[in-house]
Amino acid sequence: MNRRQLKFRAWDKLEKRFFYPDKGYQGHYVLTLNGQFQNLQNGSGGDEYVVQQFTGLKDSKGNEIYEGDIISYLQHLFNVSPDKYPVKTKEVKWKNMKGCWNVYESQAGEDNLEVIGNIFENSDLLKQ
């Protein structure tokens, strides 16, 4: 059996906030087998929510990294002094063709990876 931790969060489009079902909301929300998030308290669900999956990774400060998070990191480059590495920002996305999370470029290190926002509340961070 795979020991990968499956966790999800849902962005409520109407309330403009995240729900983390594993953090005190058990019994009020369900995720259906077709990926639909349902609020059992008020009957809302479906297209009113955007479901995002936990990648299984944490940033350098111990924050969990979810799909849709915006991360910042130093891009490690060959033949460049570490004090001159450029700071990059990227959205965390699932790459279905590769079957993996595209969190950062292959030359970035987890030791300098930091969640700085998400696509719903901080999309302007990607325009830098």
Protein backbone atom coordinates (compact mmCIF):
# COMPACT_ATOMS: atom_id res chain seq x y z
CA MET A 1 0.00 0.00 0.00
CA ASN A 2 1.24 3.47 -0.87
CA ARG A 3 2.01 5.56 2.24
CA ARG A 4 1.55 8.84 0.41
CA GLN A 5 -0.57 11.27 2.40
CA LEU A 6 -3.66 12.35 0.47
CA LYS A 7 -4.95 15.71 1.64
CA PHE A 8 -7.00 18.36 -0.07
CA ARG A 9 -8.13 21.91 0.41
CA ALA A 10 -10.99 23.70 -1.34
CA TRP A 11 -11.23 27.33 -2.41
CA ASP A 12 -14.74 28.67 -1.87
CA LYS A 13 -15.38 31.01 -4.81
CA LEU A 14 -18.24 32.81 -3.05
CA GLU A 15 -16.65 33.30 0.38
CA LYS A 16 -13.17 33.73 -1.13
CA ARG A 17 -11.43 31.53 1.43
CA PHE A 18 -9.94 28.07 1.79
CA PHE A 19 -11.45 25.13 3.62
CA TYR A 20 -9.04 22.52 4.94
CA PRO A 21 -11.21 19.47 5.67
CA ASP A 22 -8.44 17.81 7.72
CA LYS A 23 -8.27 20.79 10.10
CA GLY A 24 -11.40 20.66 12.21
CA TYR A 25 -14.00 20.40 9.46
CA GLN A 26 -14.52 16.63 9.46
CA GLY A 27 -18.15 15.69 9.18
CA HIS A 28 -19.21 18.93 7.49
CA TYR A 29 -17.55 18.50 4.10
CA VAL A 30 -16.98 15.63 1.71
CA LEU A 31 -14.93 15.14 -1.43
CA THR A 32 -16.78 12.89 -3.84
CA LEU A 33 -15.01 10.24 -5.87
CA ASN A 34 -15.35 12.44 -8.97
CA GLY A 35 -13.45 15.27 -7.23
CA GLN A 36 -16.41 17.46 -6.29
CA PHE A 37 -16.26 19.25 -2.93
CA GLN A 38 -19.58 19.33 -1.06
CA ASN A 39 -20.50 21.44 1.99
CA LEU A 40 -22.94 19.34 4.02
CA GLN A 41 -23.91 22.26 6.27
CA ASN A 42 -25.46 24.44 3.57
CA GLY A 43 -25.73 22.06 0.61
CA SER A 44 -23.32 24.00 -1.60
CA GLY A 45 -20.73 22.31 -3.73
CA GLY A 46 -19.61 21.45 -7.22
CA ASP A 47 -18.49 24.43 -9.29
CA GLU A 48 -18.62 26.75 -6.26
CA TYR A 49 -15.34 25.21 -5.05
CA VAL A 50 -11.91 24.56 -6.54
CA VAL A 51 -10.29 21.45 -5.06
CA GLN A 52 -6.50 21.43 -4.71
CA GLN A 53 -4.30 18.54 -3.61
CA PHE A 54 -1.42 18.50 -1.12
CA THR A 55 1.84 17.68 -2.94
CA GLY A 56 3.33 15.77 -0.02
CA LEU A 57 6.11 18.38 0.18
CA LYS A 58 6.86 21.16 2.64
CA ASP A 59 8.79 24.36 2.10
CA SER A 60 11.91 25.45 3.98
CA LYS A 61 9.73 26.81 6.83
CA GLY A 62 7.69 23.62 7.18
CA ASN A 63 4.59 24.91 5.38
CA GLU A 64 2.66 22.34 3.38
CA ILE A 65 2.75 22.90 -0.37
CA TYR A 66 -0.56 22.56 -2.24
CA GLU A 67 -1.49 22.69 -5.88
CA GLY A 68 -2.11 26.36 -6.73
CA ASP A 69 0.43 27.68 -4.24
CA ILE A 70 2.94 30.24 -5.43
CA ILE A 71 6.47 29.43 -4.39
CA SER A 72 9.65 31.46 -4.36
CA TYR A 73 13.12 29.97 -4.67
CA LEU A 74 16.67 30.73 -5.69
CA GLN A 75 17.42 29.27 -9.11
CA HIS A 76 20.69 27.38 -8.82
CA LEU A 77 22.79 28.00 -11.91
CA PHE A 78 26.06 26.40 -12.95
CA ASN A 79 29.09 28.69 -13.09
CA VAL A 80 27.25 31.37 -11.07
CA SER A 81 28.10 32.39 -7.54
CA PRO A 82 25.30 31.43 -5.07
CA ASP A 83 24.97 35.06 -3.97
CA LYS A 84 23.97 35.90 -7.57
CA TYR A 85 21.29 33.20 -8.02
CA PRO A 86 18.09 34.81 -9.35
CA VAL A 87 14.91 34.62 -7.26
CA LYS A 88 12.10 32.89 -9.17
CA THR A 89 8.38 32.50 -8.49
CA LYS A 90 6.16 29.74 -9.87
CA GLU A 91 2.72 28.25 -9.42
CA VAL A 92 2.62 24.64 -8.22
CA LYS A 93 0.86 22.53 -10.87
CA TRP A 94 0.16 18.87 -11.55
CA LYS A 95 1.78 17.70 -14.78
CA ASN A 96 -0.57 14.95 -15.90
CA MET A 97 1.58 13.88 -18.85
CA LYS A 98 4.53 13.28 -16.54
CA GLY A 99 2.52 12.07 -13.54
CA CYS A 100 4.26 14.42 -11.14
CA TRP A 101 4.08 17.78 -9.41
CA ASN A 102 5.90 20.59 -11.15
CA VAL A 103 6.95 22.53 -8.09
CA TYR A 104 10.23 24.06 -9.17
CA GLU A 105 12.90 23.81 -11.81
CA SER A 106 15.32 20.92 -11.58
CA GLN A 107 18.15 23.19 -10.43
CA ALA A 108 16.22 24.64 -7.46
CA GLY A 109 16.78 23.24 -3.99
CA GLU A 110 14.13 22.51 -1.37
CA ASP A 111 16.26 24.27 1.22
CA ASN A 112 15.38 27.66 -0.30
CA LEU A 113 11.81 26.92 -1.40
CA GLU A 114 9.11 29.05 0.26
CA VAL A 115 5.33 29.29 -0.15
CA ILE A 116 4.61 33.00 -0.61
CA GLY A 117 0.94 32.88 -1.63
CA ASN A 118 -1.63 31.16 -3.82
CA ILE A 119 -3.26 31.78 -7.20
CA PHE A 120 -6.55 33.01 -5.74
CA GLU A 121 -5.29 35.59 -3.26
CA ASN A 122 -1.88 36.52 -4.66
CA SER A 123 -1.89 35.95 -8.44
CA ASP A 124 -0.03 39.25 -8.87
CA LEU A 125 3.09 37.53 -7.49
CA LEU A 126 3.37 35.57 -10.76
CA LYS A 127 3.62 38.75 -12.82
CA GLN A 128 6.96 39.73 -11.30
